[in-house]
Amino acid sequence: MTQTILNTIITTLVGGIIGYCVSSIKKYKEKLNAEKKNENVQNIALQTLLKNQLTNTYFVYSELKKLPDYVYQNFLDLLAVYEQLGGNSYIHTIAHKMESWEITKTDIL
């Protein structure tokens, strides 16, 4: 009789521990999925902001066909991050057009 009670207690404890572990793993996996989704949304938002800034830079200086060296360097830096985030679209077209523009030297760089 004592052995049966002991086996029941051990089985219950092991079952409870396994259930707790499975539950903890499931919660952890859900948390990771939520964090990954949040990170994806943040990357899309950042990519959109970068695309907007790159486009604005292009149109601000497009009539002059020239821009200060620090603006061009910022454009290239933003473009590099934009590309790392997977951005493409028309930004590469405008970046290519800007390569032929005059870059005016400033004392900032």
C-alpha atoms as a PDB file:
ATOM      1  CA  MET A   1       0.000   0.000   0.000  1.00  0.00           C
ATOM      2  CA  THR A   2       2.789   2.433   0.869  1.00  0.00           C
ATOM      3  CA  GLN A   3       4.573   1.643  -2.390  1.00  0.00           C
ATOM      4  CA  THR A   4       1.402   2.464  -4.377  1.00  0.00           C
ATOM      5  CA  ILE A   5       1.007   5.796  -2.608  1.00  0.00           C
ATOM      6  CA  LEU A   6       4.676   6.605  -3.191  1.00  0.00           C
ATOM      7  CA  ASN A   7       4.383   5.715  -6.906  1.00  0.00           C
ATOM      8  CA  THR A   8       1.280   7.885  -7.196  1.00  0.00           C
ATOM      9  CA  ILE A   9       3.034  10.826  -5.542  1.00  0.00           C
ATOM     10  CA  ILE A  10       6.109  10.443  -7.757  1.00  0.00           C
ATOM     11  CA  THR A  11       3.973  10.107 -10.906  1.00  0.00           C
ATOM     12  CA  THR A  12       1.972  13.181  -9.949  1.00  0.00           C
ATOM     13  CA  LEU A  13       5.105  15.213  -9.221  1.00  0.00           C
ATOM     14  CA  VAL A  14       6.846  14.167 -12.441  1.00  0.00           C
ATOM     15  CA  GLY A  15       3.680  14.880 -14.426  1.00  0.00           C
ATOM     16  CA  GLY A  16       3.382  18.283 -12.796  1.00  0.00           C
ATOM     17  CA  ILE A  17       7.002  19.140 -13.476  1.00  0.00           C
ATOM     18  CA  ILE A  18       6.697  18.080 -17.114  1.00  0.00           C
ATOM     19  CA  GLY A  19       3.461  20.047 -17.472  1.00  0.00           C
ATOM     20  CA  TYR A  20       5.104  23.121 -15.954  1.00  0.00           C
ATOM     21  CA  CYS A  21       8.084  22.800 -18.302  1.00  0.00           C
ATOM     22  CA  VAL A  22       5.856  22.434 -21.357  1.00  0.00           C
ATOM     23  CA  SER A  23       3.791  25.417 -20.263  1.00  0.00           C
ATOM     24  CA  SER A  24       6.920  27.508 -19.662  1.00  0.00           C
ATOM     25  CA  ILE A  25       8.362  26.582 -23.057  1.00  0.00           C
ATOM     26  CA  LYS A  26       5.072  27.466 -24.752  1.00  0.00           C
ATOM     27  CA  LYS A  27       4.953  30.877 -23.030  1.00  0.00           C
ATOM     28  CA  TYR A  28       8.593  31.528 -23.926  1.00  0.00           C
ATOM     29  CA  LYS A  29       7.939  30.633 -27.559  1.00  0.00           C
ATOM     30  CA  GLU A  30       4.919  32.972 -27.651  1.00  0.00           C
ATOM     31  CA  LYS A  31       7.036  35.747 -26.164  1.00  0.00           C
ATOM     32  CA  LEU A  32       9.757  35.208 -28.773  1.00  0.00           C
ATOM     33  CA  ASN A  33       7.185  35.266 -31.580  1.00  0.00           C
ATOM     34  CA  ALA A  34       5.702  38.511 -30.240  1.00  0.00           C
ATOM     35  CA  GLU A  35       9.159  40.083 -29.983  1.00  0.00           C
ATOM     36  CA  LYS A  36      10.012  38.984 -33.523  1.00  0.00           C
ATOM     37  CA  LYS A  37       6.757  40.449 -34.838  1.00  0.00           C
ATOM     38  CA  ASN A  38       7.463  43.706 -32.995  1.00  0.00           C
ATOM     39  CA  GLU A  39      10.991  43.790 -34.407  1.00  0.00           C
ATOM     40  CA  ASN A  40       9.623  43.281 -37.927  1.00  0.00           C
ATOM     41  CA  VAL A  41       7.173  46.148 -37.478  1.00  0.00           C
ATOM     42  CA  GLN A  42       9.960  48.379 -36.164  1.00  0.00           C
ATOM     43  CA  ASN A  43      12.176  47.479 -39.131  1.00  0.00           C
ATOM     44  CA  ILE A  44       9.381  48.310 -41.571  1.00  0.00           C
ATOM     45  CA  ALA A  45       8.760  51.619 -39.794  1.00  0.00           C
ATOM     46  CA  LEU A  46      12.465  52.492 -39.849  1.00  0.00           C
ATOM     47  CA  GLN A  47      12.727  51.493 -43.496  1.00  0.00           C
ATOM     48  CA  THR A  48       9.778  53.747 -44.326  1.00  0.00           C
ATOM     49  CA  LEU A  49      11.295  56.698 -42.451  1.00  0.00           C
ATOM     50  CA  LEU A  50      14.616  56.220 -44.216  1.00  0.00           C
ATOM     51  CA  LYS A  51      12.894  55.979 -47.596  1.00  0.00           C
ATOM     52  CA  ASN A  52      11.038  59.211 -46.841  1.00  0.00           C
ATOM     53  CA  GLN A  53      14.228  61.034 -45.846  1.00  0.00           C
ATOM     54  CA  LEU A  54      16.136  59.774 -48.898  1.00  0.00           C
ATOM     55  CA  THR A  55      13.304  60.856 -51.183  1.00  0.00           C
ATOM     56  CA  ASN A  56      13.068  64.273 -49.528  1.00  0.00           C
ATOM     57  CA  THR A  57      16.804  64.853 -49.902  1.00  0.00           C
ATOM     58  CA  TYR A  58      16.566  64.027 -53.578  1.00  0.00           C
ATOM     59  CA  PHE A  59      13.674  66.399 -54.273  1.00  0.00           C
ATOM     60  CA  VAL A  60      15.099  69.267 -52.200  1.00  0.00           C
ATOM     61  CA  TYR A  61      18.259  69.322 -54.334  1.00  0.00           C
ATOM     62  CA  SER A  62      16.940  67.950 -57.652  1.00  0.00           C
ATOM     63  CA  GLU A  63      16.494  71.332 -59.368  1.00  0.00           C
ATOM     64  CA  LEU A  64      19.995  72.486 -58.464  1.00  0.00           C
ATOM     65  CA  LYS A  65      21.606  69.146 -59.361  1.00  0.00           C
ATOM     66  CA  LYS A  66      24.135  69.825 -56.644  1.00  0.00           C
ATOM     67  CA  LEU A  67      24.314  69.372 -52.919  1.00  0.00           C
ATOM     68  CA  PRO A  68      26.739  69.919 -50.054  1.00  0.00           C
ATOM     69  CA  ASP A  69      29.171  67.108 -49.303  1.00  0.00           C
ATOM     70  CA  TYR A  70      27.761  66.532 -45.806  1.00  0.00           C
ATOM     71  CA  VAL A  71      24.233  66.111 -47.212  1.00  0.00           C
ATOM     72  CA  TYR A  72      25.520  63.644 -49.789  1.00  0.00           C
ATOM     73  CA  GLN A  73      27.435  61.711 -47.120  1.00  0.00           C
ATOM     74  CA  ASN A  74      24.315  61.562 -44.942  1.00  0.00           C
ATOM     75  CA  PHE A  75      22.359  60.355 -47.961  1.00  0.00           C
ATOM     76  CA  LEU A  76      24.872  57.554 -48.554  1.00  0.00           C
ATOM     77  CA  ASP A  77      24.841  56.560 -44.879  1.00  0.00           C
ATOM     78  CA  LEU A  78      21.040  56.433 -44.809  1.00  0.00           C
ATOM     79  CA  LEU A  79      21.018  54.495 -48.065  1.00  0.00           C
ATOM     80  CA  ALA A  80      23.375  51.877 -46.605  1.00  0.00           C
ATOM     81  CA  VAL A  81      21.100  51.307 -43.605  1.00  0.00           C
ATOM     82  CA  TYR A  82      18.040  51.281 -45.859  1.00  0.00           C
ATOM     83  CA  GLU A  83      19.617  48.553 -47.970  1.00  0.00           C
ATOM     84  CA  GLN A  84      20.591  46.522 -44.888  1.00  0.00           C
ATOM     85  CA  LEU A  85      16.937  46.552 -43.868  1.00  0.00           C
ATOM     86  CA  GLY A  86      16.030  45.100 -47.257  1.00  0.00           C
ATOM     87  CA  GLY A  87      14.890  48.308 -48.891  1.00  0.00           C
ATOM     88  CA  ASN A  88      15.073  48.683 -52.621  1.00  0.00           C
ATOM     89  CA  SER A  89      12.413  50.186 -54.918  1.00  0.00           C
ATOM     90  CA  TYR A  90      12.978  53.517 -56.640  1.00  0.00           C
ATOM     91  CA  ILE A  91      15.530  54.723 -54.090  1.00  0.00           C
ATOM     92  CA  HIS A  92      18.314  53.085 -56.075  1.00  0.00           C
ATOM     93  CA  THR A  93      17.159  54.961 -59.167  1.00  0.00           C
ATOM     94  CA  ILE A  94      17.348  58.337 -57.456  1.00  0.00           C
ATOM     95  CA  ALA A  95      20.673  57.453 -55.813  1.00  0.00           C
ATOM     96  CA  HIS A  96      22.069  56.632 -59.238  1.00  0.00           C
ATOM     97  CA  LYS A  97      20.829  59.981 -60.603  1.00  0.00           C
ATOM     98  CA  MET A  98      22.501  61.829 -57.734  1.00  0.00           C
ATOM     99  CA  GLU A  99      25.888  60.311 -58.605  1.00  0.00           C
ATOM    100  CA  SER A 100      26.154  62.749 -61.526  1.00  0.00           C
ATOM    101  CA  TRP A 101      25.320  65.818 -59.426  1.00  0.00           C
ATOM    102  CA  GLU A 102      27.898  68.324 -58.303  1.00  0.00           C
ATOM    103  CA  ILE A 103      29.027  67.832 -54.715  1.00  0.00           C
ATOM    104  CA  THR A 104      30.039  71.152 -53.170  1.00  0.00           C
ATOM    105  CA  LYS A 105      32.852  71.007 -50.658  1.00  0.00           C
ATOM    106  CA  THR A 106      32.155  72.414 -47.199  1.00  0.00           C
ATOM    107  CA  ASP A 107      34.325  72.737 -44.144  1.00  0.00           C
ATOM    108  CA  ILE A 108      32.058  70.377 -42.200  1.00  0.00           C
ATOM    109  CA  LEU A 109      33.593  67.137 -43.490  1.00  0.00           C
END
